[in-house]
Amino acid sequence: MIRIVPLAEARHLPFWRRPVTLLFLMAAAMPVAFATWSALLNNFVIEAAQFDGSDIGWLHTVREIPGFLAIGVIAIIIFMREQVLGLVSLILLGVATAMTAWFPSLGGILVITMLSSIGFHYYETVNQSLQLQWIDKLRAPQVLGWLIAAGSAATLVAYLLIVLTWETLDLSYNTVYMLAGGFTAAVALFCLLAYPQFEAPNPQIKRMVLRRRYWLYYALQFMAGARRQIFVVFAGFMMVEKFGFAVHEVTALYMVTLVANMVFAPLMGRAVRVYGERTTLTFEYAGLSLVFLAYGGIYMFGWGVMLAAALYVVDHLLFALALALKTYFQKIADPGDIAPTAAVAFTINHIAAVFLPALLGYLWLVSPASVFIMAAGMAGVSFLLAMLIPRHPAPGHETILSPPAPAPAE
């Protein structure tokens, strides 16, 4: 029998059965499958299916289609609770990841990637909604930072095992994908069975919500999706194609970024709380512009592998500041708008992702540096948009162009 527990009463449950604990379990389970898939992907597709830049672009275009269709979450939560949908999606991600190496061809990889992507993007859409509903506004920046650190810690363990055992035990892609995907699916199934259904105090609107006053949030989401695709698709591919990184070397680089995230993500959450969303986001976008320009310089001027690896780590650290975009929306949103707007924002975030990787895959064949220079330009546009965020955003004061929020009563 399904047990529904109001959020206000959840504090009386044992610590391990509380909503925040569930968020931490999911935050740790998801990246084990997804990050392992990512770490092995470039080597797997090059060795198993002889992918080139165009093929990898098409793969990521297919992978992002479910993100573009994340708005379908609104229809599903009419019949299924968000918490259940999130965990079922996480199970799908785990199972599809476990099956990845079973189809070592372009067509097979595209199909299984589509299935895992449905699980990933629907989980992420619901997870973002649950985080903003279940975490208090004052604690949100720091708790979100700790959630990022938890995901990094879980992934670090998986990567450490890959680095230590890949060559020593002569592991296959199938073995690693099976173990990582199976772990994620098992944890999600446990969460589905062991936790009650938590009821947030504000019922969510179960239809598409597009509000004019959220326009800046929508614009920042669009630019973030376009810019991030270039990094996700081509930064790791560059390390394998240009510098010849093997699986354990790629994984070791990912491990360095994870350790850095574990240390700095909670500090970044604190920085958002202290300095506000505008300051932290403009710092992120200015830094990303410089990083992408340096990526371009690697191809234009022949800069070496150590710089490329260092930029990769810095890139990941700056992306962690994107939690400020979540807290910005949490501050300006009507409480009932969180779930439908999370779905809409995820779709907006993936508009460019549907066509950009495939198009830039062809540009990559001609001029890899141009791909990264385009990303630097996108980061610059994001910087200008972030300047419009008020120091203290609130409903009715979403941008510096809006009337200021009323002063609190004395």
Protein backbone atom coordinates (compact mmCIF):
# COMPACT_ATOMS: atom_id res chain seq x y z
CA MET A 1 0.00 0.00 0.00
CA ILE A 2 1.33 3.44 -0.96
CA ARG A 3 2.02 5.67 2.03
CA ILE A 4 1.77 9.43 1.45
CA VAL A 5 3.61 11.63 3.94
CA PRO A 6 3.20 15.44 3.96
CA LEU A 7 6.55 17.19 3.76
CA ALA A 8 6.00 18.91 7.12
CA GLU A 9 5.64 15.52 8.85
CA ALA A 10 8.65 13.93 7.14
CA ARG A 11 11.00 15.28 9.81
CA HIS A 12 9.54 12.72 12.23
CA LEU A 13 10.74 9.84 10.04
CA PRO A 14 14.11 8.15 10.64
CA PHE A 15 16.89 10.16 9.02
CA TRP A 16 17.49 7.59 6.28
CA ARG A 17 13.85 7.82 5.14
CA ARG A 18 13.58 11.61 4.91
CA PRO A 19 13.16 13.53 1.62
CA VAL A 20 16.63 15.07 1.62
CA THR A 21 18.20 11.65 2.17
CA LEU A 22 16.27 10.36 -0.83
CA LEU A 23 17.59 13.27 -2.90
CA PHE A 24 21.14 12.36 -1.88
CA LEU A 25 20.64 8.70 -2.79
CA MET A 26 19.33 9.64 -6.22
CA ALA A 27 22.12 12.20 -6.65
CA ALA A 28 24.66 9.45 -5.98
CA ALA A 29 22.98 6.75 -8.09
CA MET A 30 22.37 8.65 -11.34
CA PRO A 31 25.94 9.70 -12.21
CA VAL A 32 27.34 6.20 -11.66
CA ALA A 33 25.50 5.08 -14.82
CA PHE A 34 25.62 8.33 -16.76
CA ALA A 35 29.20 9.30 -15.99
CA THR A 36 30.50 5.78 -16.64
CA TRP A 37 28.67 5.81 -19.98
CA SER A 38 30.29 9.16 -20.76
CA ALA A 39 33.78 8.11 -19.66
CA LEU A 40 33.85 5.06 -21.93
CA LEU A 41 31.76 6.49 -24.76
CA ASN A 42 34.39 8.14 -26.95
CA ASN A 43 36.71 5.14 -26.84
CA PHE A 44 33.84 2.68 -27.28
CA VAL A 45 32.32 4.33 -30.35
CA ILE A 46 35.71 4.86 -32.01
CA GLU A 47 36.85 1.26 -31.40
CA ALA A 48 33.52 -0.55 -31.88
CA ALA A 49 31.89 1.52 -34.62
CA GLN A 50 34.70 3.67 -36.08
CA PHE A 51 32.92 6.97 -35.29
CA ASP A 52 34.26 10.25 -36.66
CA GLY A 53 33.32 13.81 -35.66
CA SER A 54 30.13 13.72 -37.72
CA ASP A 55 28.98 10.43 -36.17
CA ILE A 56 29.57 11.64 -32.62
CA GLY A 57 27.62 14.79 -33.44
CA TRP A 58 24.65 12.73 -34.65
CA LEU A 59 24.86 10.51 -31.54
CA HIS A 60 24.55 13.49 -29.24
CA THR A 61 21.76 14.98 -31.34
CA VAL A 62 19.79 11.75 -30.87
CA ARG A 63 20.68 11.75 -27.17
CA GLU A 64 19.23 15.22 -26.72
CA ILE A 65 15.87 14.60 -28.42
CA PRO A 66 14.28 13.30 -25.16
CA GLY A 67 15.52 16.44 -23.43
CA PHE A 68 13.72 18.52 -26.03
CA LEU A 69 10.60 16.43 -25.35
CA ALA A 70 10.90 16.77 -21.56
CA ILE A 71 7.77 18.88 -21.65
CA GLY A 72 5.96 15.53 -21.86
CA VAL A 73 6.62 15.18 -18.13
CA ILE A 74 3.68 17.55 -17.58
CA ALA A 75 1.29 15.05 -19.17
CA ILE A 76 2.78 12.09 -17.30
CA ILE A 77 2.51 13.65 -13.82
CA ILE A 78 -1.25 13.93 -14.32
CA PHE A 79 -1.33 10.15 -13.86
CA MET A 80 1.92 9.44 -11.99
CA ARG A 81 3.47 11.15 -8.99
CA GLU A 82 6.70 13.04 -9.68
CA GLN A 83 8.66 10.96 -7.19
CA VAL A 84 7.59 7.69 -8.85
CA LEU A 85 8.29 9.04 -12.35
CA GLY A 86 11.77 10.13 -11.30
CA LEU A 87 12.68 6.71 -9.90
CA VAL A 88 11.18 4.77 -12.82
CA SER A 89 13.17 6.99 -15.18
CA LEU A 90 16.31 6.29 -13.15
CA ILE A 91 15.70 2.54 -13.50
CA LEU A 92 15.36 2.97 -17.29
CA LEU A 93 18.66 4.87 -17.39
CA GLY A 94 20.40 2.11 -15.46
CA VAL A 95 19.01 -0.75 -17.54
CA ALA A 96 19.75 0.97 -20.88
CA THR A 97 23.30 1.81 -19.76
CA ALA A 98 23.86 -1.83 -18.80
CA MET A 99 22.90 -2.88 -22.36
CA THR A 100 25.03 -0.29 -24.19
CA ALA A 101 27.81 -2.61 -25.36
CA TRP A 102 25.35 -5.17 -26.72
CA PHE A 103 24.86 -3.12 -29.90
CA PRO A 104 28.31 -2.15 -31.31
CA SER A 105 27.08 -0.43 -34.48
CA LEU A 106 25.95 3.07 -35.38
CA GLY A 107 22.26 2.09 -35.50
CA GLY A 108 22.37 0.01 -32.33
CA ILE A 109 24.25 2.67 -30.37
CA LEU A 110 21.75 5.34 -31.46
CA VAL A 111 18.75 3.24 -30.32
CA ILE A 112 20.13 2.29 -26.91
CA THR A 113 21.33 5.86 -26.41
CA MET A 114 17.80 7.11 -27.08
CA LEU A 115 16.41 4.80 -24.37
CA SER A 116 19.01 5.76 -21.78
CA SER A 117 18.47 9.40 -22.67
CA ILE A 118 14.73 9.16 -22.02
CA GLY A 119 15.54 7.85 -18.55
CA PHE A 120 18.19 10.49 -17.91
CA HIS A 121 16.26 13.54 -19.10
CA TYR A 122 12.94 12.62 -17.49
CA TYR A 123 14.75 11.85 -14.25
CA GLU A 124 16.63 15.16 -14.36
CA THR A 125 13.46 17.13 -15.08
CA VAL A 126 11.62 15.62 -12.13
CA ASN A 127 14.67 15.70 -9.86
CA GLN A 128 15.13 19.45 -10.35
CA SER A 129 11.46 19.98 -9.55
CA LEU A 130 11.64 17.86 -6.37
CA GLN A 131 14.80 19.62 -5.20
CA LEU A 132 13.19 23.04 -5.45
CA GLN A 133 9.97 21.83 -3.79
CA TRP A 134 11.60 19.88 -0.95
CA ILE A 135 14.52 22.18 -0.01
CA ASP A 136 13.96 25.43 1.85
CA LYS A 137 14.93 28.57 -0.08
CA LEU A 138 17.43 29.72 2.54
CA ARG A 139 19.23 26.36 2.56
CA ALA A 140 18.90 25.63 -1.17
CA PRO A 141 22.29 26.93 -2.43
CA GLN A 142 24.29 24.99 0.13
CA VAL A 143 22.20 21.81 -0.07
CA LEU A 144 22.39 21.86 -3.88
CA GLY A 145 26.15 22.23 -3.58
CA TRP A 146 26.30 19.19 -1.28
CA LEU A 147 24.12 17.22 -3.71
CA ILE A 148 26.63 17.97 -6.49
CA ALA A 149 29.44 16.86 -4.18
CA ALA A 150 27.59 13.62 -3.37
CA GLY A 151 27.18 12.81 -7.05
CA SER A 152 30.86 13.56 -7.62
CA ALA A 153 31.87 11.29 -4.73
CA ALA A 154 29.82 8.35 -6.04
CA THR A 155 31.18 8.80 -9.53
CA LEU A 156 34.73 9.08 -8.18
CA VAL A 157 34.43 5.62 -6.65
CA ALA A 158 33.23 4.21 -9.98
CA TYR A 159 36.03 5.91 -11.92
CA LEU A 160 38.65 4.83 -9.40
CA LEU A 161 37.55 1.23 -9.90
CA ILE A 162 37.81 1.66 -13.69
CA VAL A 163 41.30 3.14 -13.50
CA LEU A 164 42.54 0.44 -11.11
CA THR A 165 40.97 -2.54 -12.87
CA TRP A 166 40.55 -1.69 -16.59
CA GLU A 167 44.01 -2.86 -17.65
CA THR A 168 44.79 -5.06 -14.63
CA LEU A 169 41.72 -7.27 -15.08
CA ASP A 170 41.44 -6.68 -18.83
CA LEU A 171 37.84 -5.50 -18.45
CA SER A 172 35.49 -5.26 -21.40
CA TYR A 173 33.13 -2.40 -22.19
CA ASN A 174 30.21 -4.75 -21.59
CA THR A 175 31.37 -5.66 -18.06
CA VAL A 176 31.79 -2.05 -16.96
CA TYR A 177 28.51 -0.90 -18.51
CA MET A 178 26.64 -3.82 -16.92
CA LEU A 179 28.04 -3.12 -13.44
CA ALA A 180 27.49 0.65 -13.55
CA GLY A 181 24.00 0.49 -15.06
CA GLY A 182 22.98 -2.37 -12.77
CA PHE A 183 24.06 -0.40 -9.69
CA THR A 184 22.00 2.63 -10.68
CA ALA A 185 18.92 0.52 -11.45
CA ALA A 186 19.24 -1.37 -8.14
CA VAL A 187 19.50 1.79 -6.04
CA ALA A 188 16.51 3.34 -7.84
CA LEU A 189 14.43 0.20 -7.27
CA PHE A 190 15.34 0.27 -3.56
CA CYS A 191 14.26 3.91 -3.32
CA LEU A 192 11.01 3.13 -5.09
CA LEU A 193 10.15 0.40 -2.58
CA ALA A 194 11.66 1.74 0.66
CA TYR A 195 10.47 5.36 0.73
CA PRO A 196 6.97 6.77 1.26
CA GLN A 197 5.54 9.23 -1.25
CA PHE A 198 6.27 12.75 -0.03
CA GLU A 199 3.59 15.42 -0.49
CA ALA A 200 4.80 19.01 -0.94
CA PRO A 201 2.55 21.72 0.54
CA ASN A 202 1.96 23.48 -2.79
CA PRO A 203 0.11 21.41 -5.44
CA GLN A 204 1.81 21.63 -8.82
CA ILE A 205 0.04 22.90 -11.92
CA LYS A 206 -0.31 19.98 -14.33
CA ARG A 207 -0.30 21.89 -17.61
CA MET A 208 2.27 23.79 -19.60
CA VAL A 209 3.23 27.10 -17.99
CA LEU A 210 4.86 29.92 -19.96
CA ARG A 211 4.98 33.20 -18.07
CA ARG A 212 6.31 36.42 -19.52
CA ARG A 213 7.97 37.35 -16.25
CA TYR A 214 10.19 34.23 -16.47
CA TRP A 215 11.66 35.33 -19.82
CA LEU A 216 15.19 35.88 -18.48
CA TYR A 217 15.24 32.40 -16.92
CA TYR A 218 14.11 30.92 -20.24
CA ALA A 219 16.80 32.83 -22.14
CA LEU A 220 19.55 31.74 -19.75
CA GLN A 221 18.37 28.13 -20.04
CA PHE A 222 18.48 28.28 -23.84
CA MET A 223 22.02 29.67 -23.89
CA ALA A 224 23.17 27.21 -21.23
CA GLY A 225 21.90 24.28 -23.29
CA ALA A 226 23.58 25.46 -26.48
CA ARG A 227 26.89 26.25 -24.79
CA ARG A 228 27.05 23.09 -22.70
CA GLN A 229 26.46 20.85 -25.72
CA ILE A 230 29.70 22.01 -27.27
CA PHE A 231 31.63 21.09 -24.13
CA VAL A 232 29.86 17.74 -23.56
CA VAL A 233 30.20 16.61 -27.17
CA PHE A 234 33.58 17.93 -28.24
CA ALA A 235 35.82 18.56 -25.20
CA GLY A 236 36.09 14.87 -24.30
CA PHE A 237 36.18 13.84 -27.96
CA MET A 238 39.16 16.17 -28.42
CA MET A 239 41.10 14.40 -25.67
CA VAL A 240 40.69 11.05 -27.46
CA GLU A 241 40.94 12.15 -31.10
CA LYS A 242 43.72 14.75 -30.82
CA PHE A 243 45.75 13.52 -27.86
CA GLY A 244 45.04 9.78 -28.06
CA PHE A 245 43.77 9.32 -24.49
CA ALA A 246 43.02 5.68 -23.57
CA VAL A 247 40.02 4.67 -21.41
CA HIS A 248 41.94 4.72 -18.12
CA GLU A 249 43.50 8.11 -19.01
CA VAL A 250 40.12 9.67 -19.83
CA THR A 251 38.72 8.24 -16.60
CA ALA A 252 41.68 9.57 -14.61
CA LEU A 253 40.99 13.05 -16.00
CA TYR A 254 37.35 12.70 -14.97
CA MET A 255 38.49 11.66 -11.50
CA VAL A 256 40.48 14.84 -11.08
CA THR A 257 37.40 16.89 -11.98
CA LEU A 258 35.31 14.89 -9.51
CA VAL A 259 37.71 15.47 -6.63
CA ALA A 260 37.73 19.18 -7.46
CA ASN A 261 33.91 19.20 -7.54
CA MET A 262 33.70 17.40 -4.19
CA VAL A 263 35.86 20.09 -2.62
CA PHE A 264 34.53 23.17 -4.39
CA ALA A 265 30.81 22.48 -5.04
CA PRO A 266 29.75 23.08 -1.40
CA LEU A 267 31.89 26.24 -1.40
CA MET A 268 30.19 27.36 -4.61
CA GLY A 269 26.81 26.79 -3.00
CA ARG A 270 27.94 29.00 -0.15
CA ALA A 271 29.18 31.62 -2.63
CA VAL A 272 25.75 31.76 -4.26
CA ARG A 273 24.18 32.32 -0.87
CA VAL A 274 26.65 35.07 0.09
CA TYR A 275 27.16 36.90 -3.23
CA GLY A 276 23.87 36.18 -4.99
CA GLU A 277 22.96 34.67 -8.32
CA ARG A 278 23.99 37.60 -10.54
CA THR A 279 27.57 37.75 -9.28
CA THR A 280 28.19 34.01 -9.39
CA LEU A 281 26.61 33.51 -12.82
CA THR A 282 28.50 36.41 -14.42
CA PHE A 283 31.72 35.00 -12.93
CA GLU A 284 30.87 31.58 -14.41
CA TYR A 285 30.12 32.93 -17.89
CA ALA A 286 33.19 35.17 -18.00
CA GLY A 287 35.36 32.22 -17.01
CA LEU A 288 33.74 29.93 -19.57
CA SER A 289 34.38 32.46 -22.33
CA LEU A 290 38.11 32.40 -21.54
CA VAL A 291 38.18 28.60 -21.29
CA PHE A 292 36.52 28.09 -24.67
CA LEU A 293 38.83 30.62 -26.32
CA ALA A 294 41.77 28.67 -24.88
CA TYR A 295 40.31 25.43 -26.28
CA GLY A 296 40.32 27.10 -29.69
CA GLY A 297 43.92 28.14 -29.14
CA ILE A 298 44.92 24.50 -28.62
CA TYR A 299 44.01 23.84 -32.27
CA MET A 300 45.13 27.18 -33.67
CA PHE A 301 48.50 27.42 -31.94
CA GLY A 302 49.30 23.81 -31.05
CA TRP A 303 49.12 24.23 -27.27
CA GLY A 304 49.73 20.97 -25.42
CA VAL A 305 47.84 18.25 -23.64
CA MET A 306 48.50 19.52 -20.10
CA LEU A 307 46.74 22.79 -20.85
CA ALA A 308 43.83 20.90 -22.43
CA ALA A 309 43.48 18.71 -19.33
CA ALA A 310 43.67 21.71 -16.97
CA LEU A 311 41.02 23.56 -18.97
CA TYR A 312 38.78 20.51 -18.79
CA VAL A 313 38.92 20.58 -14.99
CA VAL A 314 38.33 24.33 -14.78
CA ASP A 315 35.41 23.96 -17.20
CA HIS A 316 33.72 21.44 -14.89
CA LEU A 317 34.23 23.64 -11.83
CA LEU A 318 32.66 26.65 -13.54
CA PHE A 319 29.69 24.58 -14.69
CA ALA A 320 29.01 23.70 -11.04
CA LEU A 321 28.06 27.35 -10.48
CA ALA A 322 25.00 26.69 -12.65
CA LEU A 323 23.18 25.76 -9.43
CA ALA A 324 22.67 29.53 -9.13
CA LEU A 325 20.26 29.32 -12.08
CA LYS A 326 18.11 26.89 -10.07
CA THR A 327 18.05 29.11 -6.99
CA TYR A 328 17.30 32.17 -9.14
CA PHE A 329 14.19 30.45 -10.46
CA GLN A 330 13.23 29.20 -6.99
CA LYS A 331 13.23 32.82 -5.77
CA ILE A 332 11.09 34.24 -8.59
CA ALA A 333 8.65 31.34 -9.12
CA ASP A 334 5.14 30.82 -7.87
CA PRO A 335 5.30 27.63 -5.74
CA GLY A 336 2.86 25.78 -8.01
CA ASP A 337 4.88 26.60 -11.14
CA ILE A 338 7.98 24.60 -10.22
CA ALA A 339 7.11 21.23 -11.80
CA PRO A 340 5.65 22.48 -15.11
CA THR A 341 8.33 25.14 -15.50
CA ALA A 342 11.08 22.58 -14.84
CA ALA A 343 9.71 20.60 -17.80
CA VAL A 344 9.38 23.67 -20.01
CA ALA A 345 12.87 24.89 -19.06
CA PHE A 346 14.36 21.49 -19.82
CA THR A 347 12.78 21.60 -23.27
CA ILE A 348 14.08 25.14 -23.86
CA ASN A 349 17.51 24.05 -22.65
CA HIS A 350 17.54 21.34 -25.32
CA ILE A 351 16.25 23.29 -28.33
CA ALA A 352 19.75 23.93 -29.63
CA ALA A 353 20.92 20.52 -28.46
CA VAL A 354 18.74 18.76 -31.02
CA PHE A 355 20.49 20.25 -34.05
CA LEU A 356 23.71 21.85 -32.78
CA PRO A 357 25.85 18.71 -32.22
CA ALA A 358 25.10 17.33 -35.71
CA LEU A 359 25.77 20.66 -37.44
CA LEU A 360 28.91 21.36 -35.45
CA GLY A 361 30.07 17.81 -36.11
CA TYR A 362 30.47 18.78 -39.77
CA LEU A 363 32.20 22.05 -38.80
CA TRP A 364 34.52 20.01 -36.57
CA LEU A 365 35.75 18.10 -39.61
CA VAL A 366 36.87 21.40 -41.15
CA SER A 367 37.86 23.58 -38.17
CA PRO A 368 37.69 22.30 -34.56
CA ALA A 369 38.87 25.69 -33.27
CA SER A 370 35.78 27.39 -34.76
CA VAL A 371 33.52 25.14 -32.69
CA PHE A 372 35.08 26.34 -29.45
CA ILE A 373 35.15 29.98 -30.55
CA MET A 374 31.39 29.75 -31.13
CA ALA A 375 31.01 28.41 -27.58
CA ALA A 376 32.98 31.39 -26.24
CA GLY A 377 30.56 33.71 -28.02
CA MET A 378 27.60 31.91 -26.46
CA ALA A 379 29.16 32.27 -23.01
CA GLY A 380 29.53 35.99 -23.71
CA VAL A 381 25.83 36.31 -24.51
CA SER A 382 25.03 34.46 -21.27
CA PHE A 383 27.22 36.94 -19.39
CA LEU A 384 25.22 39.87 -20.74
CA LEU A 385 21.91 38.18 -19.86
CA ALA A 386 23.09 37.40 -16.32
CA MET A 387 23.80 41.09 -15.77
CA LEU A 388 20.03 41.59 -15.86
CA ILE A 389 19.47 39.48 -12.72
CA PRO A 390 18.67 41.63 -9.65
CA ARG A 391 20.78 41.35 -6.52
CA HIS A 392 17.68 40.12 -4.68
CA PRO A 393 15.31 38.47 -7.19
CA ALA A 394 11.72 37.91 -6.11
CA PRO A 395 8.28 37.43 -7.70
CA GLY A 396 7.55 40.69 -9.54
CA HIS A 397 11.25 41.63 -9.49
CA GLU A 398 12.67 39.03 -11.83
CA THR A 399 15.08 41.36 -13.69
CA ILE A 400 16.69 44.74 -13.09
CA LEU A 401 14.16 46.05 -15.62
CA SER A 402 11.29 45.08 -13.29
CA PRO A 403 10.07 47.25 -10.40
CA PRO A 404 12.11 46.62 -7.23
CA ALA A 405 10.70 44.23 -4.67
CA PRO A 406 8.84 45.94 -1.78
CA ALA A 407 10.85 46.42 1.39
CA PRO A 408 9.94 44.06 4.24
CA ALA A 409 7.55 45.43 6.83
CA GLU A 410 9.16 46.67 10.02
